[in-house]
Amino acid sequence: MKLQDYAQKLQSEGKALDMVDGSLDEQFPSDEALRCIRVGLQCTLEHPRDRPTMCSVLKMLNRDAI
């Protein structure tokens, strides 16, 4: 299984935060981590035409929600 597939699987199972480095000991804003994970998954879609532009990525990362 590719890393991208594994990440997508965790996301679809509601376990996306399992991807966060355990050494952070849950000392991070989970909503921000989830936002980064969602954006990262969009940026690694198989077909480049389906991926967001860098401008869109910046907007998504700076918003309260995607």
N, C-alpha and C. Protein backbone atom coordinates (compact mmCIF):
# COMPACT_ATOMS: atom_id res chain seq x y z
N MET A 1 0.85 -1.18 0.00
CA MET A 1 0.00 0.00 0.00
C MET A 1 0.89 1.24 0.00
N LYS A 2 0.57 2.18 -0.87
CA LYS A 2 1.33 3.43 -0.93
C LYS A 2 0.97 4.31 0.27
N LEU A 3 1.91 5.17 0.65
CA LEU A 3 1.68 6.07 1.77
C LEU A 3 0.43 6.92 1.56
N GLN A 4 0.24 7.41 0.35
CA GLN A 4 -0.93 8.23 0.05
C GLN A 4 -2.22 7.43 0.29
N ASP A 5 -2.23 6.17 -0.13
CA ASP A 5 -3.41 5.33 0.07
C ASP A 5 -3.67 5.09 1.55
N TYR A 6 -2.60 4.86 2.30
CA TYR A 6 -2.73 4.64 3.74
C TYR A 6 -3.27 5.90 4.42
N ALA A 7 -2.75 7.06 4.03
CA ALA A 7 -3.22 8.32 4.60
C ALA A 7 -4.70 8.54 4.27
N GLN A 8 -5.09 8.25 3.06
CA GLN A 8 -6.49 8.40 2.66
C GLN A 8 -7.38 7.44 3.45
N LYS A 9 -6.89 6.23 3.68
CA LYS A 9 -7.64 5.24 4.45
C LYS A 9 -7.86 5.74 5.87
N LEU A 10 -6.80 6.24 6.51
CA LEU A 10 -6.94 6.77 7.86
C LEU A 10 -7.93 7.94 7.89
N GLN A 11 -7.83 8.81 6.90
CA GLN A 11 -8.74 9.96 6.81
C GLN A 11 -10.19 9.49 6.70
N SER A 12 -10.44 8.52 5.84
CA SER A 12 -11.81 8.05 5.63
C SER A 12 -12.37 7.31 6.85
N GLU A 13 -11.47 6.76 7.67
CA GLU A 13 -11.89 6.06 8.88
C GLU A 13 -11.99 6.99 10.09
N GLY A 14 -11.73 8.29 9.87
CA GLY A 14 -11.77 9.24 10.97
C GLY A 14 -10.57 9.15 11.89
N LYS A 15 -9.47 8.60 11.39
CA LYS A 15 -8.27 8.42 12.18
C LYS A 15 -7.10 9.23 11.65
N ALA A 16 -7.39 10.35 10.99
CA ALA A 16 -6.34 11.15 10.36
C ALA A 16 -5.28 11.61 11.35
N LEU A 17 -5.67 11.89 12.58
CA LEU A 17 -4.70 12.37 13.57
C LEU A 17 -3.67 11.31 13.95
N ASP A 18 -3.93 10.06 13.58
CA ASP A 18 -2.94 9.01 13.81
C ASP A 18 -1.68 9.24 12.98
N MET A 19 -1.78 10.12 11.97
CA MET A 19 -0.62 10.42 11.12
C MET A 19 0.33 11.43 11.76
N VAL A 20 -0.12 12.12 12.80
CA VAL A 20 0.70 13.14 13.44
C VAL A 20 1.79 12.48 14.27
N ASP A 21 2.97 13.06 14.23
CA ASP A 21 4.13 12.55 14.97
C ASP A 21 3.78 12.36 16.45
N GLY A 22 3.92 11.15 16.94
CA GLY A 22 3.60 10.83 18.32
C GLY A 22 4.43 11.59 19.34
N SER A 23 5.62 12.04 18.95
CA SER A 23 6.47 12.77 19.89
C SER A 23 5.90 14.14 20.23
N LEU A 24 4.90 14.59 19.49
CA LEU A 24 4.25 15.87 19.81
C LEU A 24 3.35 15.73 21.03
N ASP A 25 3.08 14.49 21.43
CA ASP A 25 2.33 14.20 22.65
C ASP A 25 1.01 14.98 22.71
N GLU A 26 0.34 15.07 21.57
CA GLU A 26 -0.96 15.74 21.46
C GLU A 26 -0.92 17.21 21.87
N GLN A 27 0.25 17.83 21.79
CA GLN A 27 0.40 19.25 22.11
C GLN A 27 0.36 20.08 20.84
N PHE A 28 -0.72 19.98 20.11
CA PHE A 28 -0.89 20.71 18.86
C PHE A 28 -2.39 20.94 18.64
N PRO A 29 -2.74 21.98 17.91
CA PRO A 29 -4.16 22.20 17.60
C PRO A 29 -4.64 21.17 16.59
N SER A 30 -5.52 20.29 17.01
CA SER A 30 -5.96 19.20 16.13
C SER A 30 -6.65 19.71 14.88
N ASP A 31 -7.37 20.83 14.98
CA ASP A 31 -8.04 21.35 13.79
C ASP A 31 -7.04 21.79 12.74
N GLU A 32 -5.91 22.35 13.17
CA GLU A 32 -4.88 22.77 12.22
C GLU A 32 -4.18 21.56 11.60
N ALA A 33 -3.95 20.53 12.41
CA ALA A 33 -3.33 19.32 11.89
C ALA A 33 -4.24 18.67 10.85
N LEU A 34 -5.53 18.61 11.14
CA LEU A 34 -6.48 18.02 10.19
C LEU A 34 -6.54 18.83 8.90
N ARG A 35 -6.47 20.14 9.02
CA ARG A 35 -6.48 20.99 7.83
C ARG A 35 -5.27 20.68 6.96
N CYS A 36 -4.10 20.57 7.58
CA CYS A 36 -2.88 20.27 6.82
C CYS A 36 -2.96 18.89 6.16
N ILE A 37 -3.51 17.94 6.87
CA ILE A 37 -3.66 16.59 6.32
C ILE A 37 -4.59 16.61 5.11
N ARG A 38 -5.72 17.29 5.23
CA ARG A 38 -6.68 17.36 4.12
C ARG A 38 -6.06 18.03 2.90
N VAL A 39 -5.35 19.13 3.14
CA VAL A 39 -4.70 19.83 2.03
C VAL A 39 -3.63 18.93 1.41
N GLY A 40 -2.85 18.26 2.24
CA GLY A 40 -1.82 17.36 1.73
C GLY A 40 -2.40 16.25 0.87
N LEU A 41 -3.52 15.71 1.29
CA LEU A 41 -4.17 14.66 0.49
C LEU A 41 -4.64 15.20 -0.85
N GLN A 42 -5.15 16.42 -0.85
CA GLN A 42 -5.58 17.01 -2.12
C GLN A 42 -4.38 17.26 -3.03
N CYS A 43 -3.26 17.65 -2.44
CA CYS A 43 -2.06 17.96 -3.23
C CYS A 43 -1.39 16.71 -3.81
N THR A 44 -1.77 15.55 -3.32
CA THR A 44 -1.15 14.31 -3.80
C THR A 44 -2.12 13.45 -4.62
N LEU A 45 -3.20 14.06 -5.08
CA LEU A 45 -4.12 13.32 -5.94
C LEU A 45 -3.38 12.82 -7.18
N GLU A 46 -3.81 11.71 -7.71
CA GLU A 46 -3.11 11.05 -8.81
C GLU A 46 -2.93 11.94 -10.04
N HIS A 47 -3.98 12.62 -10.44
CA HIS A 47 -3.92 13.44 -11.65
C HIS A 47 -3.64 14.89 -11.29
N PRO A 48 -2.58 15.46 -11.84
CA PRO A 48 -2.23 16.85 -11.52
C PRO A 48 -3.38 17.84 -11.73
N ARG A 49 -4.23 17.59 -12.71
CA ARG A 49 -5.33 18.52 -12.97
C ARG A 49 -6.33 18.55 -11.81
N ASP A 50 -6.34 17.50 -10.98
CA ASP A 50 -7.25 17.43 -9.85
C ASP A 50 -6.69 18.09 -8.59
N ARG A 51 -5.41 18.42 -8.62
CA ARG A 51 -4.74 19.02 -7.46
C ARG A 51 -5.00 20.52 -7.40
N PRO A 52 -5.03 21.07 -6.19
CA PRO A 52 -5.24 22.52 -6.08
C PRO A 52 -3.99 23.29 -6.52
N THR A 53 -4.21 24.52 -6.94
CA THR A 53 -3.08 25.39 -7.27
C THR A 53 -2.43 25.85 -5.96
N MET A 54 -1.23 26.38 -6.05
CA MET A 54 -0.56 26.87 -4.84
C MET A 54 -1.36 28.01 -4.22
N CYS A 55 -1.96 28.82 -5.04
CA CYS A 55 -2.79 29.91 -4.54
C CYS A 55 -3.95 29.34 -3.71
N SER A 56 -4.57 28.29 -4.22
CA SER A 56 -5.67 27.63 -3.50
C SER A 56 -5.18 27.00 -2.21
N VAL A 57 -4.01 26.39 -2.26
CA VAL A 57 -3.43 25.77 -1.06
C VAL A 57 -3.24 26.82 0.03
N LEU A 58 -2.67 27.95 -0.34
CA LEU A 58 -2.46 29.02 0.64
C LEU A 58 -3.78 29.49 1.24
N LYS A 59 -4.78 29.63 0.40
CA LYS A 59 -6.10 30.05 0.90
C LYS A 59 -6.67 29.02 1.85
N MET A 60 -6.55 27.73 1.51
CA MET A 60 -7.08 26.67 2.36
C MET A 60 -6.37 26.63 3.70
N LEU A 61 -5.06 26.80 3.68
CA LEU A 61 -4.30 26.74 4.93
C LEU A 61 -4.56 27.95 5.82
N ASN A 62 -4.95 29.06 5.23
CA ASN A 62 -5.20 30.27 6.01
C ASN A 62 -6.64 30.42 6.46
N ARG A 63 -7.52 29.54 6.03
CA ARG A 63 -8.93 29.58 6.40
C ARG A 63 -9.18 28.79 7.66
N ASP A 64 -10.32 29.06 8.29
CA ASP A 64 -10.72 28.28 9.46
C ASP A 64 -11.25 26.91 9.07
N ALA A 65 -11.70 26.78 7.82
CA ALA A 65 -12.23 25.50 7.35
C ALA A 65 -11.95 25.36 5.87
N ILE A 66 -11.90 24.13 5.44
CA ILE A 66 -11.65 23.84 4.02
C ILE A 66 -12.99 23.60 3.35
